[in-house]
Amino acid sequence: MTNANSLYQADKPVFEVFPTVNAQYYWRAKAANGRILCHSENYTTRQAAVDGVNSLIRNIKKYY
């Protein structure tokens, strides 16, 4: 995968949340060119996955 610095520098990454086959959720970040930059582990609820995305964004802005 990629590191947080390259994710931060990606041209407008898009975060998507998807359900898994076992009724959990995960997110992934995609670059403007469609390349998947990174993905999460599973979360038990959709809201928890969204919270994970928001945490990632906050931490990237804070440290990069």
Protein backbone atom coordinates (compact mmCIF):
# COMPACT_ATOMS: atom_id res chain seq x y z
CA MET A 1 0.00 0.00 0.00
CA THR A 2 1.07 3.58 0.57
CA ASN A 3 2.18 5.85 3.38
CA ALA A 4 0.20 8.77 4.84
CA ASN A 5 2.37 11.40 3.15
CA SER A 6 1.64 10.10 -0.35
CA LEU A 7 -2.05 9.80 0.55
CA TYR A 8 -2.06 13.43 1.70
CA GLN A 9 -0.41 14.54 -1.54
CA ALA A 10 -2.79 12.57 -3.77
CA ASP A 11 -4.92 14.68 -6.04
CA LYS A 12 -8.30 14.78 -4.28
CA PRO A 13 -8.52 11.26 -2.87
CA VAL A 14 -12.02 9.82 -2.62
CA PHE A 15 -13.00 7.76 0.40
CA GLU A 16 -15.54 5.00 -0.13
CA VAL A 17 -17.25 2.80 2.48
CA PHE A 18 -18.30 -0.73 1.52
CA PRO A 19 -20.11 -3.58 3.26
CA THR A 20 -18.34 -6.92 3.61
CA VAL A 21 -19.88 -10.36 3.14
CA ASN A 22 -20.05 -10.83 6.92
CA ALA A 23 -22.13 -7.66 7.57
CA GLN A 24 -19.20 -5.45 8.53
CA TYR A 25 -17.78 -2.40 6.76
CA TYR A 26 -14.44 -1.14 5.48
CA TRP A 27 -13.23 1.98 3.70
CA ARG A 28 -10.77 2.59 0.93
CA ALA A 29 -9.12 5.69 -0.48
CA LYS A 30 -8.86 6.12 -4.23
CA ALA A 31 -6.75 8.62 -6.17
CA ALA A 32 -8.25 10.76 -8.93
CA ASN A 33 -6.86 8.26 -11.46
CA GLY A 34 -8.79 5.40 -9.80
CA ARG A 35 -5.79 3.79 -8.10
CA ILE A 36 -6.59 2.40 -4.65
CA LEU A 37 -4.21 4.09 -2.22
CA CYS A 38 -5.12 2.27 0.98
CA HIS A 39 -7.92 0.45 2.77
CA SER A 40 -9.01 -0.21 6.32
CA GLU A 41 -9.62 -3.23 8.43
CA ASN A 42 -13.24 -4.23 9.11
CA TYR A 43 -15.55 -2.17 11.32
CA THR A 44 -18.71 -3.49 12.95
CA THR A 45 -20.90 -0.57 11.79
CA ARG A 46 -20.97 1.80 8.83
CA GLN A 47 -20.69 4.76 11.20
CA ALA A 48 -17.55 3.30 12.74
CA ALA A 49 -16.00 3.06 9.24
CA VAL A 50 -16.95 6.69 8.52
CA ASP A 51 -15.44 7.69 11.86
CA GLY A 52 -12.26 5.85 10.82
CA VAL A 53 -12.08 7.87 7.60
CA ASN A 54 -12.55 11.11 9.52
CA SER A 55 -9.83 10.10 11.98
CA LEU A 56 -7.44 9.35 9.12
CA ILE A 57 -8.12 12.74 7.52
CA ARG A 58 -7.62 14.59 10.83
CA ASN A 59 -4.34 12.80 11.54
CA ILE A 60 -2.96 13.32 8.06
CA LYS A 61 -3.69 17.05 8.30
CA LYS A 62 -2.15 17.16 11.77
CA TYR A 63 1.10 15.35 10.99
CA TYR A 64 1.71 16.06 7.30
